[in-house]
Amino acid sequence: MRTHNLHVCQLPAPGAVTSNSARSG
């Protein structure tokens, strides 16, 4: 599962994930 997490973090996820990242940043 860790590999999946890294992959998601590296690759540009959908708008839902992008919004989360922008919020955190």
PDB file of N, CA and C in Angstrom:
ATOM      1  N   MET A   1       0.843  -1.207   0.000  1.00  0.00           N
ATOM      2  CA  MET A   1       0.000   0.000   0.000  1.00  0.00           C
ATOM      3  C   MET A   1       0.880   1.260   0.000  1.00  0.00           C
ATOM      4  N   ARG A   2       2.043   1.145   0.607  1.00  0.00           N
ATOM      5  CA  ARG A   2       2.924   2.311   0.660  1.00  0.00           C
ATOM      6  C   ARG A   2       3.311   2.732  -0.768  1.00  0.00           C
ATOM      7  N   THR A   3       3.582   1.749  -1.602  1.00  0.00           N
ATOM      8  CA  THR A   3       3.966   2.061  -2.986  1.00  0.00           C
ATOM      9  C   THR A   3       2.855   2.840  -3.671  1.00  0.00           C
ATOM     10  N   HIS A   4       1.623   2.442  -3.421  1.00  0.00           N
ATOM     11  CA  HIS A   4       0.482   3.125  -4.048  1.00  0.00           C
ATOM     12  C   HIS A   4       0.431   4.585  -3.590  1.00  0.00           C
ATOM     13  N   ASN A   5       0.643   4.777  -2.309  1.00  0.00           N
ATOM     14  CA  ASN A   5       0.599   6.132  -1.751  1.00  0.00           C
ATOM     15  C   ASN A   5       1.651   7.001  -2.441  1.00  0.00           C
ATOM     16  N   LEU A   6       2.850   6.442  -2.582  1.00  0.00           N
ATOM     17  CA  LEU A   6       3.929   7.205  -3.220  1.00  0.00           C
ATOM     18  C   LEU A   6       3.558   7.524  -4.664  1.00  0.00           C
ATOM     19  N   HIS A   7       3.026   6.535  -5.343  1.00  0.00           N
ATOM     20  CA  HIS A   7       2.658   6.731  -6.749  1.00  0.00           C
ATOM     21  C   HIS A   7       1.636   7.860  -6.885  1.00  0.00           C
ATOM     22  N   VAL A   8       0.666   7.855  -6.001  1.00  0.00           N
ATOM     23  CA  VAL A   8      -0.394   8.880  -6.048  1.00  0.00           C
ATOM     24  C   VAL A   8       0.210  10.259  -5.776  1.00  0.00           C
ATOM     25  N   CYS A   9       1.159  10.274  -4.852  1.00  0.00           N
ATOM     26  CA  CYS A   9       1.768  11.561  -4.499  1.00  0.00           C
ATOM     27  C   CYS A   9       2.618  12.089  -5.665  1.00  0.00           C
ATOM     28  N   GLN A  10       3.253  11.166  -6.380  1.00  0.00           N
ATOM     29  CA  GLN A  10       4.117  11.562  -7.492  1.00  0.00           C
ATOM     30  C   GLN A  10       3.292  11.986  -8.703  1.00  0.00           C
ATOM     31  N   LEU A  11       2.297  11.154  -9.017  1.00  0.00           N
ATOM     32  CA  LEU A  11       1.488  11.453 -10.207  1.00  0.00           C
ATOM     33  C   LEU A  11       0.385  12.454  -9.877  1.00  0.00           C
ATOM     34  N   PRO A  12      -0.012  13.258 -10.829  1.00  0.00           N
ATOM     35  CA  PRO A  12      -1.076  14.258 -10.626  1.00  0.00           C
ATOM     36  C   PRO A  12      -2.439  13.588 -10.461  1.00  0.00           C
ATOM     37  N   ALA A  13      -2.899  13.520  -9.245  1.00  0.00           N
ATOM     38  CA  ALA A  13      -4.206  12.877  -9.004  1.00  0.00           C
ATOM     39  C   ALA A  13      -5.339  13.775  -9.497  1.00  0.00           C
ATOM     40  N   PRO A  14      -6.579  13.269  -9.478  1.00  0.00           N
ATOM     41  CA  PRO A  14      -7.752  14.024  -9.935  1.00  0.00           C
ATOM     42  C   PRO A  14      -7.918  15.343  -9.175  1.00  0.00           C
ATOM     43  N   GLY A  15      -8.879  16.143  -9.569  1.00  0.00           N
ATOM     44  CA  GLY A  15      -9.106  17.447  -8.918  1.00  0.00           C
ATOM     45  C   GLY A  15      -9.327  17.278  -7.418  1.00  0.00           C
ATOM     46  N   ALA A  16     -10.033  16.221  -7.035  1.00  0.00           N
ATOM     47  CA  ALA A  16     -10.311  16.004  -5.605  1.00  0.00           C
ATOM     48  C   ALA A  16      -8.995  15.938  -4.832  1.00  0.00           C
ATOM     49  N   VAL A  17      -8.045  15.147  -5.331  1.00  0.00           N
ATOM     50  CA  VAL A  17      -6.753  15.008  -4.634  1.00  0.00           C
ATOM     51  C   VAL A  17      -5.942  16.300  -4.774  1.00  0.00           C
ATOM     52  N   THR A  18      -6.014  16.921  -5.938  1.00  0.00           N
ATOM     53  CA  THR A  18      -5.264  18.165  -6.162  1.00  0.00           C
ATOM     54  C   THR A  18      -5.711  19.232  -5.164  1.00  0.00           C
ATOM     55  N   SER A  19      -7.017  19.294  -4.923  1.00  0.00           N
ATOM     56  CA  SER A  19      -7.557  20.291  -3.985  1.00  0.00           C
ATOM     57  C   SER A  19      -6.979  20.039  -2.591  1.00  0.00           C
ATOM     58  N   ASN A  20      -6.926  18.760  -2.217  1.00  0.00           N
ATOM     59  CA  ASN A  20      -6.402  18.401  -0.898  1.00  0.00           C
ATOM     60  C   ASN A  20      -4.942  18.860  -0.780  1.00  0.00           C
ATOM     61  N   SER A  21      -4.169  18.609  -1.808  1.00  0.00           N
ATOM     62  CA  SER A  21      -2.743  18.971  -1.783  1.00  0.00           C
ATOM     63  C   SER A  21      -2.603  20.498  -1.661  1.00  0.00           C
ATOM     64  N   ALA A  22      -3.371  21.222  -2.435  1.00  0.00           N
ATOM     65  CA  ALA A  22      -3.293  22.692  -2.417  1.00  0.00           C
ATOM     66  C   ALA A  22      -3.650  23.198  -1.015  1.00  0.00           C
ATOM     67  N   ARG A  23      -4.615  22.561  -0.402  1.00  0.00           N
ATOM     68  CA  ARG A  23      -5.042  22.983   0.941  1.00  0.00           C
ATOM     69  C   ARG A  23      -3.893  22.775   1.925  1.00  0.00           C
ATOM     70  N   SER A  24      -3.266  21.602   1.823  1.00  0.00           N
ATOM     71  CA  SER A  24      -2.171  21.275   2.749  1.00  0.00           C
ATOM     72  C   SER A  24      -1.008  22.260   2.531  1.00  0.00           C
ATOM     73  N   GLY A  25      -0.726  22.567   1.263  1.00  0.00           N
ATOM     74  CA  GLY A  25       0.379  23.457   0.928  1.00  0.00           C
ATOM     75  C   GLY A  25      -0.029  24.869   1.199  1.00  0.00           C
TER      76      GLY A  25
END
